[in-house]
Amino acid sequence: SAIAANAPTRIKFSAPLCMDCQKLDKTLDVVMPKYQGKINLQKIDATSQMAEVQEMIKKYNVRVVPTTIFIDSKGNFEKKIEGDIPATNLEKEIKALF
């Protein structure tokens, strides 16, 4: 399903061998289906050397993985959370974007 360009966005920076990233993925698999079509999701491999990825890492000052960035529907940076996020906290942060 297409998502409106003005939908909130959640960006997750992770790495393939990161155990906390894998734990967060399981949490996201439970929480995110409720918001399908309402929020843009981006998963970014922080180990990528692509210029675009490196620019985003610098822009959001990503120092650890996983790091989750929340952006509101107007494109404004809302919050950065480093590390794993419990499902209840993740839901609270997503609801705050609307």
N, C-alpha and C. Protein backbone atom coordinates (compact mmCIF):
# COMPACT_ATOMS: atom_id res chain seq x y z
N SER A 1 0.84 -1.20 0.00
CA SER A 1 0.00 0.00 0.00
C SER A 1 0.88 1.25 0.00
N ALA A 2 0.49 2.21 -0.79
CA ALA A 2 1.26 3.45 -0.90
C ALA A 2 1.11 4.27 0.38
N ILE A 3 2.16 4.97 0.73
CA ILE A 3 2.15 5.80 1.94
C ILE A 3 2.26 7.25 1.50
N ALA A 4 1.47 8.11 2.10
CA ALA A 4 1.51 9.53 1.78
C ALA A 4 2.90 10.09 2.06
N ALA A 5 3.32 11.01 1.22
CA ALA A 5 4.66 11.61 1.37
C ALA A 5 4.78 12.34 2.70
N ASN A 6 3.65 12.78 3.24
CA ASN A 6 3.70 13.55 4.49
C ASN A 6 3.43 12.69 5.72
N ALA A 7 3.74 11.39 5.62
CA ALA A 7 3.58 10.49 6.77
C ALA A 7 4.83 10.56 7.65
N PRO A 8 4.67 10.31 8.95
CA PRO A 8 5.85 10.24 9.81
C PRO A 8 6.80 9.13 9.35
N THR A 9 8.04 9.22 9.77
CA THR A 9 9.06 8.25 9.35
C THR A 9 9.83 7.74 10.56
N ARG A 10 10.14 6.44 10.52
CA ARG A 10 11.03 5.86 11.51
C ARG A 10 12.20 5.27 10.74
N ILE A 11 13.41 5.70 11.09
CA ILE A 11 14.62 5.20 10.44
C ILE A 11 15.40 4.39 11.47
N LYS A 12 15.75 3.15 11.12
CA LYS A 12 16.55 2.31 12.03
C LYS A 12 17.90 2.05 11.40
N PHE A 13 18.94 2.48 12.11
CA PHE A 13 20.31 2.18 11.70
C PHE A 13 20.73 0.92 12.44
N SER A 14 21.23 -0.06 11.69
CA SER A 14 21.65 -1.30 12.32
C SER A 14 22.85 -1.88 11.58
N ALA A 15 23.31 -3.01 12.06
CA ALA A 15 24.42 -3.73 11.43
C ALA A 15 24.09 -5.22 11.42
N PRO A 16 24.54 -5.92 10.38
CA PRO A 16 24.17 -7.33 10.22
C PRO A 16 24.48 -8.23 11.42
N LEU A 17 25.59 -8.03 12.10
CA LEU A 17 26.00 -8.93 13.18
C LEU A 17 25.61 -8.44 14.58
N CYS A 18 24.84 -7.37 14.66
CA CYS A 18 24.47 -6.73 15.93
C CYS A 18 23.31 -7.48 16.59
N MET A 19 23.55 -8.03 17.79
CA MET A 19 22.51 -8.80 18.49
C MET A 19 21.34 -7.91 18.94
N ASP A 20 21.64 -6.70 19.45
CA ASP A 20 20.56 -5.79 19.85
C ASP A 20 19.72 -5.37 18.65
N CYS A 21 20.35 -5.25 17.49
CA CYS A 21 19.61 -4.91 16.26
C CYS A 21 18.62 -6.02 15.93
N GLN A 22 19.05 -7.27 16.09
CA GLN A 22 18.18 -8.41 15.82
C GLN A 22 17.02 -8.47 16.81
N LYS A 23 17.31 -8.14 18.08
CA LYS A 23 16.24 -8.09 19.10
C LYS A 23 15.23 -7.01 18.74
N LEU A 24 15.73 -5.84 18.32
CA LEU A 24 14.85 -4.73 17.95
C LEU A 24 14.01 -5.11 16.72
N ASP A 25 14.60 -5.84 15.79
CA ASP A 25 13.85 -6.29 14.61
C ASP A 25 12.64 -7.13 15.02
N LYS A 26 12.83 -8.01 16.02
CA LYS A 26 11.71 -8.84 16.50
C LYS A 26 10.61 -7.97 17.11
N THR A 27 11.00 -6.95 17.87
CA THR A 27 10.03 -6.00 18.45
C THR A 27 9.28 -5.27 17.34
N LEU A 28 10.02 -4.82 16.34
CA LEU A 28 9.41 -4.09 15.21
C LEU A 28 8.43 -4.98 14.46
N ASP A 29 8.75 -6.27 14.33
CA ASP A 29 7.86 -7.20 13.64
C ASP A 29 6.51 -7.31 14.35
N VAL A 30 6.51 -7.10 15.67
CA VAL A 30 5.28 -7.17 16.46
C VAL A 30 4.52 -5.84 16.39
N VAL A 31 5.25 -4.73 16.55
CA VAL A 31 4.62 -3.41 16.67
C VAL A 31 4.22 -2.79 15.33
N MET A 32 5.09 -2.86 14.34
CA MET A 32 4.90 -2.07 13.13
C MET A 32 3.70 -2.44 12.26
N PRO A 33 3.25 -3.71 12.22
CA PRO A 33 2.08 -4.01 11.39
C PRO A 33 0.85 -3.15 11.73
N LYS A 34 0.73 -2.73 12.99
CA LYS A 34 -0.40 -1.88 13.41
C LYS A 34 -0.38 -0.53 12.69
N TYR A 35 0.81 -0.13 12.23
CA TYR A 35 0.97 1.20 11.63
C TYR A 35 1.23 1.13 10.13
N GLN A 36 0.98 -0.05 9.55
CA GLN A 36 1.21 -0.23 8.12
C GLN A 36 0.39 0.79 7.33
N GLY A 37 1.03 1.50 6.42
CA GLY A 37 0.35 2.50 5.61
C GLY A 37 0.25 3.85 6.29
N LYS A 38 0.63 3.92 7.57
CA LYS A 38 0.53 5.18 8.31
C LYS A 38 1.88 5.80 8.59
N ILE A 39 2.93 4.99 8.49
CA ILE A 39 4.27 5.48 8.81
C ILE A 39 5.27 4.89 7.83
N ASN A 40 6.20 5.72 7.39
CA ASN A 40 7.28 5.26 6.51
C ASN A 40 8.34 4.58 7.37
N LEU A 41 8.84 3.45 6.88
CA LEU A 41 9.88 2.72 7.60
C LEU A 41 11.12 2.65 6.74
N GLN A 42 12.25 2.94 7.35
CA GLN A 42 13.52 2.79 6.64
C GLN A 42 14.47 2.01 7.53
N LYS A 43 15.10 1.00 6.96
CA LYS A 43 16.16 0.26 7.66
C LYS A 43 17.45 0.56 6.92
N ILE A 44 18.44 1.00 7.64
CA ILE A 44 19.71 1.38 7.03
C ILE A 44 20.84 0.57 7.66
N ASP A 45 21.65 -0.04 6.79
CA ASP A 45 22.82 -0.78 7.25
C ASP A 45 23.92 0.24 7.53
N ALA A 46 24.20 0.45 8.80
CA ALA A 46 25.18 1.45 9.21
C ALA A 46 26.60 1.09 8.78
N THR A 47 26.82 -0.16 8.36
CA THR A 47 28.15 -0.56 7.91
C THR A 47 28.37 -0.25 6.43
N SER A 48 27.32 0.21 5.76
CA SER A 48 27.43 0.54 4.33
C SER A 48 28.35 1.74 4.14
N GLN A 49 29.15 1.68 3.10
CA GLN A 49 30.06 2.79 2.79
C GLN A 49 29.45 3.74 1.75
N MET A 50 28.19 3.52 1.37
CA MET A 50 27.55 4.40 0.40
C MET A 50 27.52 5.83 0.95
N ALA A 51 27.79 6.80 0.10
CA ALA A 51 27.85 8.20 0.51
C ALA A 51 26.55 8.64 1.18
N GLU A 52 25.42 8.22 0.63
CA GLU A 52 24.11 8.60 1.17
C GLU A 52 23.95 8.11 2.62
N VAL A 53 24.38 6.88 2.87
CA VAL A 53 24.29 6.31 4.22
C VAL A 53 25.22 7.07 5.16
N GLN A 54 26.44 7.31 4.72
CA GLN A 54 27.41 8.03 5.56
C GLN A 54 26.93 9.44 5.88
N GLU A 55 26.27 10.09 4.92
CA GLU A 55 25.69 11.43 5.16
C GLU A 55 24.62 11.38 6.24
N MET A 56 23.75 10.37 6.17
CA MET A 56 22.67 10.23 7.17
C MET A 56 23.25 9.94 8.55
N ILE A 57 24.29 9.11 8.62
CA ILE A 57 24.93 8.79 9.89
C ILE A 57 25.49 10.08 10.51
N LYS A 58 26.09 10.91 9.68
CA LYS A 58 26.65 12.18 10.15
C LYS A 58 25.52 13.14 10.56
N LYS A 59 24.49 13.23 9.72
CA LYS A 59 23.36 14.14 9.97
C LYS A 59 22.70 13.87 11.32
N TYR A 60 22.49 12.58 11.63
CA TYR A 60 21.80 12.20 12.86
C TYR A 60 22.76 11.80 13.98
N ASN A 61 24.06 11.98 13.75
CA ASN A 61 25.08 11.71 14.76
C ASN A 61 24.93 10.29 15.33
N VAL A 62 24.83 9.31 14.43
CA VAL A 62 24.68 7.91 14.84
C VAL A 62 26.04 7.37 15.28
N ARG A 63 26.12 6.95 16.55
CA ARG A 63 27.38 6.45 17.11
C ARG A 63 27.31 4.97 17.47
N VAL A 64 26.10 4.46 17.69
CA VAL A 64 25.92 3.05 18.05
C VAL A 64 24.79 2.45 17.24
N VAL A 65 24.78 1.13 17.15
CA VAL A 65 23.64 0.44 16.54
C VAL A 65 23.03 -0.49 17.57
N PRO A 66 21.72 -0.65 17.60
CA PRO A 66 20.80 0.07 16.74
C PRO A 66 20.56 1.50 17.24
N THR A 67 20.30 2.40 16.30
CA THR A 67 19.83 3.74 16.61
C THR A 67 18.55 3.94 15.81
N THR A 68 17.52 4.42 16.48
CA THR A 68 16.24 4.67 15.83
C THR A 68 15.98 6.17 15.82
N ILE A 69 15.66 6.69 14.65
CA ILE A 69 15.36 8.10 14.48
C ILE A 69 13.87 8.23 14.17
N PHE A 70 13.21 9.17 14.82
CA PHE A 70 11.80 9.44 14.55
C PHE A 70 11.66 10.82 13.94
N ILE A 71 10.93 10.91 12.83
CA ILE A 71 10.72 12.16 12.11
C ILE A 71 9.22 12.36 11.95
N ASP A 72 8.73 13.57 12.26
CA ASP A 72 7.28 13.78 12.18
C ASP A 72 6.83 13.95 10.72
N SER A 73 5.53 14.10 10.52
CA SER A 73 4.97 14.14 9.17
C SER A 73 5.39 15.38 8.39
N LYS A 74 5.94 16.38 9.06
CA LYS A 74 6.41 17.58 8.37
C LYS A 74 7.90 17.46 8.03
N GLY A 75 8.50 16.33 8.39
CA GLY A 75 9.91 16.11 8.09
C GLY A 75 10.85 16.63 9.17
N ASN A 76 10.29 17.01 10.32
CA ASN A 76 11.12 17.52 11.42
C ASN A 76 11.63 16.38 12.29
N PHE A 77 12.91 16.45 12.64
CA PHE A 77 13.52 15.48 13.54
C PHE A 77 12.81 15.56 14.88
N GLU A 78 12.37 14.43 15.41
CA GLU A 78 11.65 14.39 16.68
C GLU A 78 12.50 13.83 17.81
N LYS A 79 13.11 12.67 17.55
CA LYS A 79 13.80 11.98 18.65
C LYS A 79 14.78 10.96 18.10
N LYS A 80 15.83 10.70 18.89
CA LYS A 80 16.80 9.64 18.58
C LYS A 80 16.89 8.73 19.80
N ILE A 81 16.76 7.42 19.59
CA ILE A 81 16.90 6.45 20.67
C ILE A 81 18.02 5.49 20.29
N GLU A 82 19.01 5.38 21.17
CA GLU A 82 20.11 4.46 20.94
C GLU A 82 19.85 3.17 21.69
N GLY A 83 20.15 2.04 21.04
CA GLY A 83 19.97 0.74 21.68
C GLY A 83 18.61 0.12 21.39
N ASP A 84 18.37 -1.00 22.03
CA ASP A 84 17.11 -1.72 21.88
C ASP A 84 16.00 -0.92 22.55
N ILE A 85 14.77 -1.07 22.04
CA ILE A 85 13.62 -0.34 22.59
C ILE A 85 12.53 -1.36 22.94
N PRO A 86 12.05 -1.37 24.19
CA PRO A 86 10.92 -2.26 24.51
C PRO A 86 9.69 -1.87 23.69
N ALA A 87 8.84 -2.83 23.38
CA ALA A 87 7.66 -2.61 22.53
C ALA A 87 6.79 -1.46 23.03
N THR A 88 6.58 -1.38 24.35
CA THR A 88 5.71 -0.32 24.89
C THR A 88 6.30 1.07 24.63
N ASN A 89 7.61 1.21 24.78
CA ASN A 89 8.26 2.50 24.52
C ASN A 89 8.22 2.84 23.03
N LEU A 90 8.43 1.83 22.19
CA LEU A 90 8.37 2.04 20.74
C LEU A 90 7.00 2.55 20.34
N GLU A 91 5.94 1.93 20.85
CA GLU A 91 4.58 2.36 20.53
C GLU A 91 4.33 3.78 20.99
N LYS A 92 4.82 4.12 22.17
CA LYS A 92 4.64 5.48 22.72
C LYS A 92 5.30 6.51 21.79
N GLU A 93 6.51 6.21 21.32
CA GLU A 93 7.23 7.13 20.45
C GLU A 93 6.53 7.28 19.09
N ILE A 94 6.01 6.18 18.57
CA ILE A 94 5.31 6.23 17.29
C ILE A 94 4.03 7.05 17.41
N LYS A 95 3.27 6.81 18.48
CA LYS A 95 2.01 7.56 18.67
C LYS A 95 2.27 9.06 18.82
N ALA A 96 3.43 9.42 19.38
CA ALA A 96 3.78 10.84 19.56
C ALA A 96 4.02 11.54 18.23
N LEU A 97 4.24 10.78 17.16
CA LEU A 97 4.51 11.37 15.85
C LEU A 97 3.24 11.87 15.15
N PHE A 98 2.08 11.40 15.62
CA PHE A 98 0.83 11.73 14.93
C PHE A 98 0.13 12.92 15.56
